[in-house]
Amino acid sequence: MRYVLRGDVYSITLPRRSGRVQHGRRFAVIVQAHDLLAPSMVVICPTSTSTPPASFHPEVVVRNEPTRVMCEMVGAVDERSLGEQAGHLTLDELRSVDEALRLVLDLV
């Protein structure tokens, strides 16, 4: 079991599903609260370099490349599905993800 933190960015391969759900190899941001990080499941938001700009798609930089966090795709994954750690969001980036999640989840 690895130790993950909220704001960490990991590579992940999301399985193909029906509909317009993101799949394939990409990065994912850990968005689960530190205190709730269970040993087996983590809540993530996947990223995309091609998703259009939107208030719920904050831009972050991962490995020196801009990408957008798809906060409307928030979901739980098995911790074992996380690949290599690719970085950690800056405080400003994490705040923009928080704001987008508040919007998507109607927590404002």
PDB file of N, CA and C in Angstrom:
ATOM      1  N   MET A   1       0.842  -1.184   0.000  1.00  0.00           N
ATOM      2  CA  MET A   1       0.000   0.000   0.000  1.00  0.00           C
ATOM      3  C   MET A   1       0.887   1.247   0.000  1.00  0.00           C
ATOM      4  N   ARG A   2       0.610   2.171  -0.882  1.00  0.00           N
ATOM      5  CA  ARG A   2       1.375   3.415  -0.936  1.00  0.00           C
ATOM      6  C   ARG A   2       0.654   4.505  -0.165  1.00  0.00           C
ATOM      7  N   TYR A   3       1.376   5.551   0.145  1.00  0.00           N
ATOM      8  CA  TYR A   3       0.808   6.684   0.866  1.00  0.00           C
ATOM      9  C   TYR A   3       0.505   7.778  -0.146  1.00  0.00           C
ATOM     10  N   VAL A   4      -0.780   8.091  -0.339  1.00  0.00           N
ATOM     11  CA  VAL A   4      -1.183   9.133  -1.284  1.00  0.00           C
ATOM     12  C   VAL A   4      -1.725  10.317  -0.514  1.00  0.00           C
ATOM     13  N   LEU A   5      -1.584  11.487  -1.100  1.00  0.00           N
ATOM     14  CA  LEU A   5      -2.066  12.726  -0.498  1.00  0.00           C
ATOM     15  C   LEU A   5      -3.038  13.422  -1.437  1.00  0.00           C
ATOM     16  N   ARG A   6      -3.957  14.149  -0.870  1.00  0.00           N
ATOM     17  CA  ARG A   6      -4.852  14.994  -1.669  1.00  0.00           C
ATOM     18  C   ARG A   6      -4.001  15.977  -2.465  1.00  0.00           C
ATOM     19  N   GLY A   7      -4.244  16.059  -3.770  1.00  0.00           N
ATOM     20  CA  GLY A   7      -3.454  16.922  -4.637  1.00  0.00           C
ATOM     21  C   GLY A   7      -2.357  16.190  -5.380  1.00  0.00           C
ATOM     22  N   ASP A   8      -2.060  14.938  -4.990  1.00  0.00           N
ATOM     23  CA  ASP A   8      -1.097  14.148  -5.752  1.00  0.00           C
ATOM     24  C   ASP A   8      -1.655  13.865  -7.134  1.00  0.00           C
ATOM     25  N   VAL A   9      -0.766  13.710  -8.100  1.00  0.00           N
ATOM     26  CA  VAL A   9      -1.150  13.378  -9.466  1.00  0.00           C
ATOM     27  C   VAL A   9      -0.481  12.050  -9.819  1.00  0.00           C
ATOM     28  N   TYR A  10      -1.280  11.109 -10.308  1.00  0.00           N
ATOM     29  CA  TYR A  10      -0.786   9.787 -10.686  1.00  0.00           C
ATOM     30  C   TYR A  10      -1.204   9.459 -12.106  1.00  0.00           C
ATOM     31  N   SER A  11      -0.419   8.639 -12.767  1.00  0.00           N
ATOM     32  CA  SER A  11      -0.867   8.085 -14.041  1.00  0.00           C
ATOM     33  C   SER A  11      -1.886   7.000 -13.723  1.00  0.00           C
ATOM     34  N   ILE A  12      -2.824   6.814 -14.642  1.00  0.00           N
ATOM     35  CA  ILE A  12      -3.867   5.804 -14.451  1.00  0.00           C
ATOM     36  C   ILE A  12      -4.368   5.386 -15.826  1.00  0.00           C
ATOM     37  N   THR A  13      -4.818   4.166 -15.933  1.00  0.00           N
ATOM     38  CA  THR A  13      -5.482   3.698 -17.144  1.00  0.00           C
ATOM     39  C   THR A  13      -6.924   3.395 -16.777  1.00  0.00           C
ATOM     40  N   LEU A  14      -7.833   4.198 -17.308  1.00  0.00           N
ATOM     41  CA  LEU A  14      -9.258   4.022 -17.019  1.00  0.00           C
ATOM     42  C   LEU A  14      -9.856   3.071 -18.042  1.00  0.00           C
ATOM     43  N   PRO A  15     -10.650   2.100 -17.595  1.00  0.00           N
ATOM     44  CA  PRO A  15     -11.234   1.121 -18.527  1.00  0.00           C
ATOM     45  C   PRO A  15     -12.274   1.769 -19.438  1.00  0.00           C
ATOM     46  N   ARG A  16     -12.429   1.183 -20.619  1.00  0.00           N
ATOM     47  CA  ARG A  16     -13.448   1.658 -21.564  1.00  0.00           C
ATOM     48  C   ARG A  16     -14.821   1.276 -21.032  1.00  0.00           C
ATOM     49  N   ARG A  17     -15.727   2.242 -21.047  1.00  0.00           N
ATOM     50  CA  ARG A  17     -17.111   2.011 -20.639  1.00  0.00           C
ATOM     51  C   ARG A  17     -18.013   2.605 -21.703  1.00  0.00           C
ATOM     52  N   SER A  18     -19.282   2.350 -21.600  1.00  0.00           N
ATOM     53  CA  SER A  18     -20.208   2.902 -22.580  1.00  0.00           C
ATOM     54  C   SER A  18     -20.433   4.389 -22.309  1.00  0.00           C
ATOM     55  N   GLY A  19     -20.896   5.081 -23.320  1.00  0.00           N
ATOM     56  CA  GLY A  19     -21.184   6.503 -23.173  1.00  0.00           C
ATOM     57  C   GLY A  19     -19.949   7.363 -23.375  1.00  0.00           C
ATOM     58  N   ARG A  20     -19.986   8.566 -22.818  1.00  0.00           N
ATOM     59  CA  ARG A  20     -18.929   9.550 -23.021  1.00  0.00           C
ATOM     60  C   ARG A  20     -17.954   9.602 -21.850  1.00  0.00           C
ATOM     61  N   VAL A  21     -17.787   8.492 -21.158  1.00  0.00           N
ATOM     62  CA  VAL A  21     -16.892   8.428 -20.010  1.00  0.00           C
ATOM     63  C   VAL A  21     -15.458   8.337 -20.497  1.00  0.00           C
ATOM     64  N   GLN A  22     -14.571   9.099 -19.861  1.00  0.00           N
ATOM     65  CA  GLN A  22     -13.163   9.078 -20.221  1.00  0.00           C
ATOM     66  C   GLN A  22     -12.567   7.702 -19.970  1.00  0.00           C
ATOM     67  N   HIS A  23     -11.648   7.299 -20.846  1.00  0.00           N
ATOM     68  CA  HIS A  23     -10.974   6.018 -20.689  1.00  0.00           C
ATOM     69  C   HIS A  23      -9.555   6.148 -21.220  1.00  0.00           C
ATOM     70  N   GLY A  24      -8.777   5.125 -20.999  1.00  0.00           N
ATOM     71  CA  GLY A  24      -7.409   5.097 -21.500  1.00  0.00           C
ATOM     72  C   GLY A  24      -6.413   5.687 -20.514  1.00  0.00           C
ATOM     73  N   ARG A  25      -5.173   5.792 -20.980  1.00  0.00           N
ATOM     74  CA  ARG A  25      -4.067   6.260 -20.137  1.00  0.00           C
ATOM     75  C   ARG A  25      -4.118   7.783 -20.016  1.00  0.00           C
ATOM     76  N   ARG A  26      -3.993   8.270 -18.794  1.00  0.00           N
ATOM     77  CA  ARG A  26      -4.022   9.704 -18.516  1.00  0.00           C
ATOM     78  C   ARG A  26      -3.522   9.922 -17.099  1.00  0.00           C
ATOM     79  N   PHE A  27      -3.595  11.151 -16.632  1.00  0.00           N
ATOM     80  CA  PHE A  27      -3.276  11.452 -15.242  1.00  0.00           C
ATOM     81  C   PHE A  27      -4.563  11.626 -14.460  1.00  0.00           C
ATOM     82  N   ALA A  28      -4.468  11.459 -13.140  1.00  0.00           N
ATOM     83  CA  ALA A  28      -5.612  11.664 -12.257  1.00  0.00           C
ATOM     84  C   ALA A  28      -5.129  12.387 -11.012  1.00  0.00           C
ATOM     85  N   VAL A  29      -5.966  13.295 -10.532  1.00  0.00           N
ATOM     86  CA  VAL A  29      -5.670  14.058  -9.324  1.00  0.00           C
ATOM     87  C   VAL A  29      -6.433  13.430  -8.153  1.00  0.00           C
ATOM     88  N   ILE A  30      -5.731  13.181  -7.054  1.00  0.00           N
ATOM     89  CA  ILE A  30      -6.377  12.677  -5.841  1.00  0.00           C
ATOM     90  C   ILE A  30      -7.121  13.861  -5.214  1.00  0.00           C
ATOM     91  N   VAL A  31      -8.443  13.721  -5.039  1.00  0.00           N
ATOM     92  CA  VAL A  31      -9.248  14.817  -4.480  1.00  0.00           C
ATOM     93  C   VAL A  31      -9.879  14.453  -3.140  1.00  0.00           C
ATOM     94  N   GLN A  32      -9.661  13.251  -2.677  1.00  0.00           N
ATOM     95  CA  GLN A  32     -10.225  12.806  -1.406  1.00  0.00           C
ATOM     96  C   GLN A  32      -9.519  13.477  -0.238  1.00  0.00           C
ATOM     97  N   ALA A  33     -10.271  13.789   0.811  1.00  0.00           N
ATOM     98  CA  ALA A  33      -9.700  14.398   2.014  1.00  0.00           C
ATOM     99  C   ALA A  33      -8.664  13.464   2.632  1.00  0.00           C
ATOM    100  N   HIS A  34      -7.572  14.048   3.138  1.00  0.00           N
ATOM    101  CA  HIS A  34      -6.501  13.265   3.770  1.00  0.00           C
ATOM    102  C   HIS A  34      -7.042  12.313   4.827  1.00  0.00           C
ATOM    103  N   ASP A  35      -7.932  12.800   5.679  1.00  0.00           N
ATOM    104  CA  ASP A  35      -8.438  12.001   6.794  1.00  0.00           C
ATOM    105  C   ASP A  35      -9.303  10.825   6.346  1.00  0.00           C
ATOM    106  N   LEU A  36      -9.789  10.866   5.117  1.00  0.00           N
ATOM    107  CA  LEU A  36     -10.671   9.808   4.628  1.00  0.00           C
ATOM    108  C   LEU A  36      -9.988   8.859   3.659  1.00  0.00           C
ATOM    109  N   LEU A  37      -8.692   9.022   3.468  1.00  0.00           N
ATOM    110  CA  LEU A  37      -7.998   8.148   2.531  1.00  0.00           C
ATOM    111  C   LEU A  37      -7.960   6.730   3.094  1.00  0.00           C
ATOM    112  N   ALA A  38      -8.769   5.870   2.487  1.00  0.00           N
ATOM    113  CA  ALA A  38      -8.844   4.471   2.904  1.00  0.00           C
ATOM    114  C   ALA A  38      -7.684   3.704   2.266  1.00  0.00           C
ATOM    115  N   PRO A  39      -7.350   2.572   2.827  1.00  0.00           N
ATOM    116  CA  PRO A  39      -6.226   1.827   2.282  1.00  0.00           C
ATOM    117  C   PRO A  39      -6.468   1.266   0.889  1.00  0.00           C
ATOM    118  N   SER A  40      -7.715   1.144   0.448  1.00  0.00           N
ATOM    119  CA  SER A  40      -7.933   0.488  -0.838  1.00  0.00           C
ATOM    120  C   SER A  40      -8.590   1.356  -1.909  1.00  0.00           C
ATOM    121  N   MET A  41      -9.383   2.358  -1.538  1.00  0.00           N
ATOM    122  CA  MET A  41     -10.090   3.183  -2.520  1.00  0.00           C
ATOM    123  C   MET A  41      -9.693   4.643  -2.369  1.00  0.00           C
ATOM    124  N   VAL A  42      -9.581   5.341  -3.511  1.00  0.00           N
ATOM    125  CA  VAL A  42      -9.294   6.769  -3.497  1.00  0.00           C
ATOM    126  C   VAL A  42     -10.231   7.465  -4.479  1.00  0.00           C
ATOM    127  N   VAL A  43     -10.594   8.710  -4.166  1.00  0.00           N
ATOM    128  CA  VAL A  43     -11.444   9.502  -5.044  1.00  0.00           C
ATOM    129  C   VAL A  43     -10.546  10.378  -5.898  1.00  0.00           C
ATOM    130  N   ILE A  44     -10.778  10.317  -7.208  1.00  0.00           N
ATOM    131  CA  ILE A  44      -9.928  11.020  -8.170  1.00  0.00           C
ATOM    132  C   ILE A  44     -10.772  11.839  -9.141  1.00  0.00           C
ATOM    133  N   CYS A  45     -10.094  12.768  -9.813  1.00  0.00           N
ATOM    134  CA  CYS A  45     -10.638  13.428 -10.994  1.00  0.00           C
ATOM    135  C   CYS A  45      -9.630  13.194 -12.113  1.00  0.00           C
ATOM    136  N   PRO A  46     -10.062  12.627 -13.245  1.00  0.00           N
ATOM    137  CA  PRO A  46      -9.136  12.428 -14.356  1.00  0.00           C
ATOM    138  C   PRO A  46      -8.806  13.753 -15.046  1.00  0.00           C
ATOM    139  N   THR A  47      -7.749  13.733 -15.821  1.00  0.00           N
ATOM    140  CA  THR A  47      -7.336  14.918 -16.570  1.00  0.00           C
ATOM    141  C   THR A  47      -7.429  14.644 -18.071  1.00  0.00           C
ATOM    142  N   SER A  48      -7.401  15.719 -18.834  1.00  0.00           N
ATOM    143  CA  SER A  48      -7.412  15.611 -20.294  1.00  0.00           C
ATOM    144  C   SER A  48      -6.719  16.832 -20.884  1.00  0.00           C
ATOM    145  N   THR A  49      -5.930  16.599 -21.905  1.00  0.00           N
ATOM    146  CA  THR A  49      -5.295  17.724 -22.613  1.00  0.00           C
ATOM    147  C   THR A  49      -6.192  18.263 -23.712  1.00  0.00           C
ATOM    148  N   SER A  50      -7.281  17.555 -24.021  1.00  0.00           N
ATOM    149  CA  SER A  50      -8.131  17.985 -25.133  1.00  0.00           C
ATOM    150  C   SER A  50      -9.520  18.462 -24.719  1.00  0.00           C
ATOM    151  N   THR A  51      -9.882  18.310 -23.454  1.00  0.00           N
ATOM    152  CA  THR A  51     -11.206  18.767 -23.026  1.00  0.00           C
ATOM    153  C   THR A  51     -11.278  20.294 -23.122  1.00  0.00           C
ATOM    154  N   PRO A  52     -12.408  20.838 -23.517  1.00  0.00           N
ATOM    155  CA  PRO A  52     -12.503  22.289 -23.701  1.00  0.00           C
ATOM    156  C   PRO A  52     -12.459  23.050 -22.376  1.00  0.00           C
ATOM    157  N   PRO A  53     -12.038  24.303 -22.417  1.00  0.00           N
ATOM    158  CA  PRO A  53     -12.053  25.123 -21.201  1.00  0.00           C
ATOM    159  C   PRO A  53     -13.474  25.262 -20.668  1.00  0.00           C
ATOM    160  N   ALA A  54     -13.594  25.226 -19.346  1.00  0.00           N
ATOM    161  CA  ALA A  54     -14.882  25.428 -18.678  1.00  0.00           C
ATOM    162  C   ALA A  54     -14.593  25.739 -17.220  1.00  0.00           C
ATOM    163  N   SER A  55     -15.571  26.305 -16.543  1.00  0.00           N
ATOM    164  CA  SER A  55     -15.383  26.642 -15.132  1.00  0.00           C
ATOM    165  C   SER A  55     -15.131  25.410 -14.280  1.00  0.00           C
ATOM    166  N   PHE A  56     -15.556  24.245 -14.742  1.00  0.00           N
ATOM    167  CA  PHE A  56     -15.356  23.003 -13.994  1.00  0.00           C
ATOM    168  C   PHE A  56     -14.216  22.163 -14.570  1.00  0.00           C
ATOM    169  N   HIS A  57     -13.375  22.788 -15.421  1.00  0.00           N
ATOM    170  CA  HIS A  57     -12.169  22.158 -15.984  1.00  0.00           C
ATOM    171  C   HIS A  57     -10.947  23.021 -15.665  1.00  0.00           C
ATOM    172  N   PRO A  58     -10.547  23.121 -14.406  1.00  0.00           N
ATOM    173  CA  PRO A  58      -9.395  23.970 -14.097  1.00  0.00           C
ATOM    174  C   PRO A  58      -8.120  23.456 -14.763  1.00  0.00           C
ATOM    175  N   GLU A  59      -7.314  24.386 -15.210  1.00  0.00           N
ATOM    176  CA  GLU A  59      -6.047  24.013 -15.845  1.00  0.00           C
ATOM    177  C   GLU A  59      -4.960  23.869 -14.793  1.00  0.00           C
ATOM    178  N   VAL A  60      -4.195  22.801 -14.914  1.00  0.00           N
ATOM    179  CA  VAL A  60      -3.054  22.550 -14.039  1.00  0.00           C
ATOM    180  C   VAL A  60      -1.875  22.163 -14.924  1.00  0.00           C
ATOM    181  N   VAL A  61      -0.700  22.104 -14.327  1.00  0.00           N
ATOM    182  CA  VAL A  61       0.486  21.693 -15.065  1.00  0.00           C
ATOM    183  C   VAL A  61       0.989  20.384 -14.475  1.00  0.00           C
ATOM    184  N   VAL A  62       1.132  19.380 -15.340  1.00  0.00           N
ATOM    185  CA  VAL A  62       1.654  18.079 -14.930  1.00  0.00           C
ATOM    186  C   VAL A  62       2.841  17.763 -15.826  1.00  0.00           C
ATOM    187  N   ARG A  63       3.983  17.560 -15.208  1.00  0.00           N
ATOM    188  CA  ARG A  63       5.222  17.278 -15.961  1.00  0.00           C
ATOM    189  C   ARG A  63       5.472  18.340 -17.029  1.00  0.00           C
ATOM    190  N   ASN A  64       5.315  19.588 -16.620  1.00  0.00           N
ATOM    191  CA  ASN A  64       5.579  20.755 -17.471  1.00  0.00           C
ATOM    192  C   ASN A  64       4.636  20.892 -18.661  1.00  0.00           C
ATOM    193  N   GLU A  65       3.510  20.188 -18.638  1.00  0.00           N
ATOM    194  CA  GLU A  65       2.520  20.284 -19.708  1.00  0.00           C
ATOM    195  C   GLU A  65       1.170  20.693 -19.127  1.00  0.00           C
ATOM    196  N   PRO A  66       0.486  21.668 -19.761  1.00  0.00           N
ATOM    197  CA  PRO A  66      -0.849  22.044 -19.276  1.00  0.00           C
ATOM    198  C   PRO A  66      -1.864  20.946 -19.564  1.00  0.00           C
ATOM    199  N   THR A  67      -2.751  20.723 -18.631  1.00  0.00           N
ATOM    200  CA  THR A  67      -3.842  19.771 -18.789  1.00  0.00           C
ATOM    201  C   THR A  67      -5.019  20.284 -17.972  1.00  0.00           C
ATOM    202  N   ARG A  68      -6.198  19.779 -18.245  1.00  0.00           N
ATOM    203  CA  ARG A  68      -7.393  20.223 -17.522  1.00  0.00           C
ATOM    204  C   ARG A  68      -7.922  19.080 -16.663  1.00  0.00           C
ATOM    205  N   VAL A  69      -8.334  19.434 -15.449  1.00  0.00           N
ATOM    206  CA  VAL A  69      -8.920  18.466 -14.525  1.00  0.00           C
ATOM    207  C   VAL A  69     -10.418  18.415 -14.798  1.00  0.00           C
ATOM    208  N   MET A  70     -10.931  17.222 -15.074  1.00  0.00           N
ATOM    209  CA  MET A  70     -12.346  17.050 -15.400  1.00  0.00           C
ATOM    210  C   MET A  70     -13.116  16.749 -14.115  1.00  0.00           C
ATOM    211  N   CYS A  71     -13.492  17.815 -13.431  1.00  0.00           N
ATOM    212  CA  CYS A  71     -14.121  17.673 -12.111  1.00  0.00           C
ATOM    213  C   CYS A  71     -15.506  17.048 -12.181  1.00  0.00           C
ATOM    214  N   GLU A  72     -16.147  17.075 -13.335  1.00  0.00           N
ATOM    215  CA  GLU A  72     -17.449  16.423 -13.470  1.00  0.00           C
ATOM    216  C   GLU A  72     -17.318  14.902 -13.555  1.00  0.00           C
ATOM    217  N   MET A  73     -16.094  14.400 -13.683  1.00  0.00           N
ATOM    218  CA  MET A  73     -15.839  12.958 -13.783  1.00  0.00           C
ATOM    219  C   MET A  73     -15.308  12.389 -12.474  1.00  0.00           C
ATOM    220  N   VAL A  74     -15.535  13.070 -11.360  1.00  0.00           N
ATOM    221  CA  VAL A  74     -15.040  12.618 -10.063  1.00  0.00           C
ATOM    222  C   VAL A  74     -15.553  11.211  -9.782  1.00  0.00           C
ATOM    223  N   GLY A  75     -14.673  10.358  -9.244  1.00  0.00           N
ATOM    224  CA  GLY A  75     -15.081   8.988  -8.952  1.00  0.00           C
ATOM    225  C   GLY A  75     -14.049   8.251  -8.116  1.00  0.00           C
ATOM    226  N   ALA A  76     -14.454   7.124  -7.586  1.00  0.00           N
ATOM    227  CA  ALA A  76     -13.568   6.303  -6.752  1.00  0.00           C
ATOM    228  C   ALA A  76     -12.919   5.218  -7.603  1.00  0.00           C
ATOM    229  N   VAL A  77     -11.648   4.963  -7.322  1.00  0.00           N
ATOM    230  CA  VAL A  77     -10.914   3.888  -7.992  1.00  0.00           C
ATOM    231  C   VAL A  77     -10.142   3.095  -6.940  1.00  0.00           C
ATOM    232  N   ASP A  78      -9.818   1.883  -7.283  1.00  0.00           N
ATOM    233  CA  ASP A  78      -8.971   1.059  -6.436  1.00  0.00           C
ATOM    234  C   ASP A  78      -7.574   1.670  -6.417  1.00  0.00           C
ATOM    235  N   GLU A  79      -7.005   1.821  -5.253  1.00  0.00           N
ATOM    236  CA  GLU A  79      -5.672   2.416  -5.116  1.00  0.00           C
ATOM    237  C   GLU A  79      -4.639   1.660  -5.949  1.00  0.00           C
ATOM    238  N   ARG A  80      -4.839   0.381  -6.153  1.00  0.00           N
ATOM    239  CA  ARG A  80      -3.895  -0.420  -6.948  1.00  0.00           C
ATOM    240  C   ARG A  80      -3.900  -0.051  -8.425  1.00  0.00           C
ATOM    241  N   SER A  81      -4.938   0.673  -8.886  1.00  0.00           N
ATOM    242  CA  SER A  81      -4.986   1.072 -10.296  1.00  0.00           C
ATOM    243  C   SER A  81      -4.124   2.305 -10.582  1.00  0.00           C
ATOM    244  N   LEU A  82      -3.641   2.961  -9.517  1.00  0.00           N
ATOM    245  CA  LEU A  82      -2.777   4.123  -9.714  1.00  0.00           C
ATOM    246  C   LEU A  82      -1.405   3.666 -10.181  1.00  0.00           C
ATOM    247  N   GLY A  83      -0.895   4.356 -11.183  1.00  0.00           N
ATOM    248  CA  GLY A  83       0.439   4.053 -11.687  1.00  0.00           C
ATOM    249  C   GLY A  83       1.488   4.905 -10.975  1.00  0.00           C
ATOM    250  N   GLU A  84       2.405   5.391 -11.746  1.00  0.00           N
ATOM    251  CA  GLU A  84       3.519   6.193 -11.231  1.00  0.00           C
ATOM    252  C   GLU A  84       3.058   7.588 -10.818  1.00  0.00           C
ATOM    253  N   GLN A  85       3.599   8.090  -9.719  1.00  0.00           N
ATOM    254  CA  GLN A  85       3.283   9.451  -9.309  1.00  0.00           C
ATOM    255  C   GLN A  85       3.940  10.423 -10.284  1.00  0.00           C
ATOM    256  N   ALA A  86       3.152  11.408 -10.728  1.00  0.00           N
ATOM    257  CA  ALA A  86       3.624  12.373 -11.719  1.00  0.00           C
ATOM    258  C   ALA A  86       3.819  13.762 -11.133  1.00  0.00           C
ATOM    259  N   GLY A  87       3.462  13.953  -9.858  1.00  0.00           N
ATOM    260  CA  GLY A  87       3.637  15.265  -9.258  1.00  0.00           C
ATOM    261  C   GLY A  87       2.601  15.540  -8.194  1.00  0.00           C
ATOM    262  N   HIS A  88       2.519  16.807  -7.843  1.00  0.00           N
ATOM    263  CA  HIS A  88       1.566  17.279  -6.843  1.00  0.00           C
ATOM    264  C   HIS A  88       1.122  18.679  -7.261  1.00  0.00           C
ATOM    265  N   LEU A  89      -0.169  18.970  -7.131  1.00  0.00           N
ATOM    266  CA  LEU A  89      -0.679  20.287  -7.509  1.00  0.00           C
ATOM    267  C   LEU A  89      -0.130  21.365  -6.586  1.00  0.00           C
ATOM    268  N   THR A  90       0.019  22.559  -7.138  1.00  0.00           N
ATOM    269  CA  THR A  90       0.364  23.704  -6.301  1.00  0.00           C
ATOM    270  C   THR A  90      -0.857  24.078  -5.474  1.00  0.00           C
ATOM    271  N   LEU A  91      -0.677  24.899  -4.471  1.00  0.00           N
ATOM    272  CA  LEU A  91      -1.793  25.331  -3.639  1.00  0.00           C
ATOM    273  C   LEU A  91      -2.850  26.055  -4.476  1.00  0.00           C
ATOM    274  N   ASP A  92      -2.423  26.919  -5.404  1.00  0.00           N
ATOM    275  CA  ASP A  92      -3.375  27.623  -6.261  1.00  0.00           C
ATOM    276  C   ASP A  92      -4.135  26.656  -7.170  1.00  0.00           C
ATOM    277  N   GLU A  93      -3.435  25.648  -7.711  1.00  0.00           N
ATOM    278  CA  GLU A  93      -4.097  24.664  -8.562  1.00  0.00           C
ATOM    279  C   GLU A  93      -5.123  23.866  -7.754  1.00  0.00           C
ATOM    280  N   LEU A  94      -4.750  23.471  -6.547  1.00  0.00           N
ATOM    281  CA  LEU A  94      -5.670  22.709  -5.709  1.00  0.00           C
ATOM    282  C   LEU A  94      -6.897  23.544  -5.341  1.00  0.00           C
ATOM    283  N   ARG A  95      -6.692  24.817  -5.109  1.00  0.00           N
ATOM    284  CA  ARG A  95      -7.834  25.705  -4.834  1.00  0.00           C
ATOM    285  C   ARG A  95      -8.767  25.796  -6.038  1.00  0.00           C
ATOM    286  N   SER A  96      -8.208  25.840  -7.238  1.00  0.00           N
ATOM    287  CA  SER A  96      -9.064  25.915  -8.435  1.00  0.00           C
ATOM    288  C   SER A  96      -9.832  24.602  -8.630  1.00  0.00           C
ATOM    289  N   VAL A  97      -9.223  23.477  -8.292  1.00  0.00           N
ATOM    290  CA  VAL A  97      -9.931  22.196  -8.340  1.00  0.00           C
ATOM    291  C   VAL A  97     -11.039  22.183  -7.297  1.00  0.00           C
ATOM    292  N   ASP A  98     -10.759  22.660  -6.095  1.00  0.00           N
ATOM    293  CA  ASP A  98     -11.781  22.738  -5.041  1.00  0.00           C
ATOM    294  C   ASP A  98     -12.977  23.569  -5.508  1.00  0.00           C
ATOM    295  N   GLU A  99     -12.696  24.706  -6.112  1.00  0.00           N
ATOM    296  CA  GLU A  99     -13.768  25.590  -6.584  1.00  0.00           C
ATOM    297  C   GLU A  99     -14.603  24.889  -7.659  1.00  0.00           C
ATOM    298  N   ALA A 100     -13.962  24.194  -8.567  1.00  0.00           N
ATOM    299  CA  ALA A 100     -14.676  23.472  -9.614  1.00  0.00           C
ATOM    300  C   ALA A 100     -15.522  22.335  -9.021  1.00  0.00           C
ATOM    301  N   LEU A 101     -14.980  21.631  -8.030  1.00  0.00           N
ATOM    302  CA  LEU A 101     -15.766  20.572  -7.384  1.00  0.00           C
ATOM    303  C   LEU A 101     -16.967  21.147  -6.652  1.00  0.00           C
ATOM    304  N   ARG A 102     -16.817  22.288  -6.010  1.00  0.00           N
ATOM    305  CA  ARG A 102     -17.959  22.939  -5.347  1.00  0.00           C
ATOM    306  C   ARG A 102     -19.042  23.246  -6.382  1.00  0.00           C
ATOM    307  N   LEU A 103     -18.647  23.704  -7.546  1.00  0.00           N
ATOM    308  CA  LEU A 103     -19.595  24.021  -8.600  1.00  0.00           C
ATOM    309  C   LEU A 103     -20.298  22.758  -9.108  1.00  0.00           C
ATOM    310  N   VAL A 104     -19.509  21.734  -9.425  1.00  0.00           N
ATOM    311  CA  VAL A 104     -20.061  20.490  -9.975  1.00  0.00           C
ATOM    312  C   VAL A 104     -20.995  19.804  -8.972  1.00  0.00           C
ATOM    313  N   LEU A 105     -20.623  19.822  -7.705  1.00  0.00           N
ATOM    314  CA  LEU A 105     -21.395  19.130  -6.679  1.00  0.00           C
ATOM    315  C   LEU A 105     -22.421  20.028  -6.002  1.00  0.00           C
ATOM    316  N   ASP A 106     -22.546  21.272  -6.487  1.00  0.00           N
ATOM    317  CA  ASP A 106     -23.504  22.244  -5.975  1.00  0.00           C
ATOM    318  C   ASP A 106     -23.324  22.461  -4.475  1.00  0.00           C
ATOM    319  N   LEU A 107     -22.078  22.690  -4.076  1.00  0.00           N
ATOM    320  CA  LEU A 107     -21.750  22.897  -2.667  1.00  0.00           C
ATOM    321  C   LEU A 107     -21.530  24.366  -2.334  1.00  0.00           C
ATOM    322  N   VAL A 108     -21.904  25.272  -3.230  1.00  0.00           N
ATOM    323  CA  VAL A 108     -21.727  26.692  -2.981  1.00  0.00           C
ATOM    324  C   VAL A 108     -22.947  27.299  -2.345  1.00  0.00           C
TER     325      VAL A 108
END
